[in-house]
Amino acid sequence: MTVKRLVTIAMLTAVALMIFVIEAQIPPILPAIPGIKMGLANIVSLFTLFWLGRKEAFMVLIVRILLGTIFAGTGVTLLYSLAGGLLSLGVIALFYRAFSLEALWIPSAIGGVLHNIGQLACACWIMHTWAVLAYLPALVFAGTLSGLFTGLIAGRLIRHPAFHKNFQD
């Protein structure tokens, strides 16, 4: 890995971390349903996946989650974020080449739903109960909306003329 590529990944991670920390300060959209956020830091993960590749996207995601937990979270935040983020990005990374940049909102919406499913699975495991699955319908809806939004924004960023050139090492 070249220094240029490493610095690019570090800058993308810093941007994702700043977005995550700022978003963590925003009150919940629906206080009655825990875990509903826009997930704006995922814009950077998607951007990195489509611009640089899988390995780099996972690096940005994992470092952002680890540092985000230190700066704005708790130990449980780490588990929930890893469960949701790794499931979501993992599935998107498997199929991302099947989608054009104009259709980036499709895998992003799927990823938003999978992120919430990963977090619910983690909550079931931590709390030793299936009762948290009562939140599933609301979280599927919220995950779809936030995934659509983040996918549309990431797609616009990637299609911006500044990023049309291939990344050169």
Protein backbone atom coordinates (compact mmCIF):
# COMPACT_ATOMS: atom_id res chain seq x y z
CA MET A 1 0.00 0.00 0.00
CA THR A 2 1.39 3.36 -0.99
CA VAL A 3 1.59 6.35 1.30
CA LYS A 4 -0.92 8.20 -0.89
CA ARG A 5 -3.45 5.39 -0.56
CA LEU A 6 -2.90 5.09 3.19
CA VAL A 7 -3.35 8.84 3.68
CA THR A 8 -6.53 8.73 1.55
CA ILE A 9 -7.93 5.94 3.73
CA ALA A 10 -6.97 7.84 6.89
CA MET A 11 -8.70 10.99 5.62
CA LEU A 12 -11.84 9.05 4.70
CA THR A 13 -11.81 7.44 8.15
CA ALA A 14 -11.46 10.86 9.79
CA VAL A 15 -14.40 12.22 7.79
CA ALA A 16 -16.53 9.19 8.70
CA LEU A 17 -15.54 9.55 12.36
CA MET A 18 -16.44 13.25 12.43
CA ILE A 19 -19.82 12.53 10.87
CA PHE A 20 -20.43 9.67 13.34
CA VAL A 21 -19.51 11.79 16.40
CA ILE A 22 -21.65 14.72 15.24
CA GLU A 23 -24.61 12.45 14.48
CA ALA A 24 -24.26 10.84 17.92
CA GLN A 25 -25.01 14.26 19.45
CA ILE A 26 -28.32 14.60 17.59
CA PRO A 27 -31.33 13.50 19.65
CA PRO A 28 -33.06 10.33 18.44
CA ILE A 29 -35.54 10.78 15.60
CA LEU A 30 -38.09 8.57 17.34
CA PRO A 31 -37.20 8.28 21.04
CA ALA A 32 -39.70 5.44 21.51
CA ILE A 33 -37.73 3.23 19.11
CA PRO A 34 -34.05 2.88 20.01
CA GLY A 35 -31.41 2.75 17.33
CA ILE A 36 -33.02 4.82 14.59
CA LYS A 37 -30.42 7.15 13.11
CA MET A 38 -29.66 8.34 9.61
CA GLY A 39 -26.31 6.53 9.56
CA LEU A 40 -24.62 9.34 7.69
CA ALA A 41 -21.12 7.94 8.30
CA ASN A 42 -22.12 5.05 6.05
CA ILE A 43 -21.94 7.47 3.12
CA VAL A 44 -18.18 7.39 3.55
CA SER A 45 -18.10 3.58 3.74
CA LEU A 46 -20.10 3.29 0.52
CA PHE A 47 -17.99 5.94 -1.17
CA THR A 48 -14.83 4.10 -0.15
CA LEU A 49 -16.17 0.75 -1.36
CA PHE A 50 -17.02 2.05 -4.81
CA TRP A 51 -14.02 4.38 -5.16
CA LEU A 52 -11.19 2.36 -3.60
CA GLY A 53 -12.45 -1.18 -3.01
CA ARG A 54 -13.55 -3.74 -0.44
CA LYS A 55 -10.47 -3.94 1.73
CA GLU A 56 -10.27 -0.18 2.09
CA ALA A 57 -13.99 0.13 2.87
CA PHE A 58 -13.69 -2.44 5.65
CA MET A 59 -10.64 -0.62 7.04
CA VAL A 60 -12.56 2.67 7.13
CA LEU A 61 -15.60 1.02 8.70
CA ILE A 62 -13.75 -0.88 11.42
CA VAL A 63 -11.45 1.97 12.43
CA ARG A 64 -14.39 4.40 12.42
CA ILE A 65 -16.39 2.07 14.66
CA LEU A 66 -13.50 1.51 17.07
CA LEU A 67 -12.65 5.21 17.35
CA GLY A 68 -16.33 6.22 17.37
CA THR A 69 -16.91 3.93 20.32
CA ILE A 70 -14.02 5.58 22.18
CA PHE A 71 -15.17 9.13 21.42
CA ALA A 72 -18.95 8.86 21.47
CA GLY A 73 -20.11 5.45 22.55
CA THR A 74 -20.02 2.60 25.00
CA GLY A 75 -18.89 -1.01 24.90
CA VAL A 76 -22.35 -2.04 23.77
CA THR A 77 -22.17 0.55 21.00
CA LEU A 78 -19.10 -1.27 19.72
CA LEU A 79 -20.94 -4.59 19.53
CA TYR A 80 -24.05 -3.15 17.90
CA SER A 81 -22.07 -1.09 15.40
CA LEU A 82 -19.82 -3.99 14.44
CA ALA A 83 -22.75 -6.38 14.07
CA GLY A 84 -24.73 -3.99 11.89
CA GLY A 85 -21.84 -2.48 9.99
CA LEU A 86 -20.04 -5.71 9.12
CA LEU A 87 -23.24 -7.47 8.03
CA SER A 88 -24.35 -4.52 5.94
CA LEU A 89 -21.02 -3.74 4.28
CA GLY A 90 -20.24 -7.44 3.90
CA VAL A 91 -23.34 -8.12 1.84
CA ILE A 92 -22.99 -4.91 -0.18
CA ALA A 93 -19.32 -5.76 -0.84
CA LEU A 94 -20.32 -9.16 -2.22
CA PHE A 95 -22.68 -7.69 -4.80
CA TYR A 96 -21.57 -4.09 -5.33
CA ARG A 97 -20.20 -4.67 -8.83
CA ALA A 98 -23.67 -5.78 -9.96
CA PHE A 99 -24.98 -2.21 -9.51
CA SER A 100 -24.20 0.93 -11.46
CA LEU A 101 -23.39 4.14 -9.64
CA GLU A 102 -26.80 5.46 -10.65
CA ALA A 103 -28.38 2.53 -8.80
CA LEU A 104 -26.19 2.75 -5.70
CA TRP A 105 -29.31 3.48 -3.68
CA ILE A 106 -30.47 -0.14 -4.16
CA PRO A 107 -27.62 -1.94 -2.34
CA SER A 108 -27.52 0.93 0.14
CA ALA A 109 -31.20 0.46 1.04
CA ILE A 110 -30.61 -3.28 1.42
CA GLY A 111 -27.56 -2.47 3.54
CA GLY A 112 -29.60 -0.15 5.74
CA VAL A 113 -32.05 -2.95 6.46
CA LEU A 114 -29.25 -5.46 7.04
CA HIS A 115 -27.52 -3.03 9.40
CA ASN A 116 -30.62 -2.94 11.57
CA ILE A 117 -31.06 -6.71 11.37
CA GLY A 118 -27.46 -7.18 12.49
CA GLN A 119 -28.04 -4.85 15.41
CA LEU A 120 -31.26 -6.63 16.38
CA ALA A 121 -29.51 -10.01 16.24
CA CYS A 122 -26.82 -8.59 18.51
CA ALA A 123 -29.47 -7.22 20.88
CA CYS A 124 -31.17 -10.64 21.01
CA TRP A 125 -27.83 -12.20 21.89
CA ILE A 126 -26.89 -9.60 24.53
CA MET A 127 -30.32 -9.44 26.16
CA HIS A 128 -31.06 -13.16 25.84
CA THR A 129 -34.53 -12.46 24.49
CA TRP A 130 -36.34 -12.40 21.16
CA ALA A 131 -38.63 -9.61 22.42
CA VAL A 132 -36.48 -6.94 20.75
CA LEU A 133 -37.65 -8.30 17.39
CA ALA A 134 -40.85 -6.33 18.02
CA TYR A 135 -38.85 -3.35 16.71
CA LEU A 136 -38.15 -5.13 13.40
CA PRO A 137 -40.92 -3.55 11.27
CA ALA A 138 -40.02 -0.01 12.34
CA LEU A 139 -36.29 -0.65 11.91
CA VAL A 140 -36.77 -2.19 8.45
CA PHE A 141 -38.68 0.91 7.39
CA ALA A 142 -36.11 3.27 8.94
CA GLY A 143 -33.21 1.25 7.51
CA THR A 144 -34.71 1.41 4.05
CA LEU A 145 -35.17 5.18 4.23
CA SER A 146 -31.74 5.89 5.66
CA GLY A 147 -30.13 3.48 3.19
CA LEU A 148 -31.87 5.18 0.29
CA PHE A 149 -30.68 8.57 1.48
CA THR A 150 -27.07 7.53 2.13
CA GLY A 151 -26.94 5.66 -1.18
CA LEU A 152 -28.20 8.66 -3.11
CA ILE A 153 -25.65 10.96 -1.45
CA ALA A 154 -22.75 8.50 -1.91
CA GLY A 155 -23.72 8.00 -5.55
CA ARG A 156 -23.71 11.74 -6.18
CA LEU A 157 -20.31 12.09 -4.52
CA ILE A 158 -18.78 9.26 -6.52
CA ARG A 159 -20.16 10.64 -9.79
CA HIS A 160 -18.79 14.09 -9.00
CA PRO A 161 -16.21 15.13 -11.64
CA ALA A 162 -13.44 15.29 -9.03
CA PHE A 163 -13.67 11.52 -8.58
CA HIS A 164 -14.11 10.45 -12.21
CA LYS A 165 -10.44 9.64 -12.61
CA ASN A 166 -9.36 6.24 -11.40
CA PHE A 167 -7.44 6.34 -8.18
CA GLN A 168 -3.79 6.14 -9.11
CA ASP A 169 -1.14 4.91 -6.68
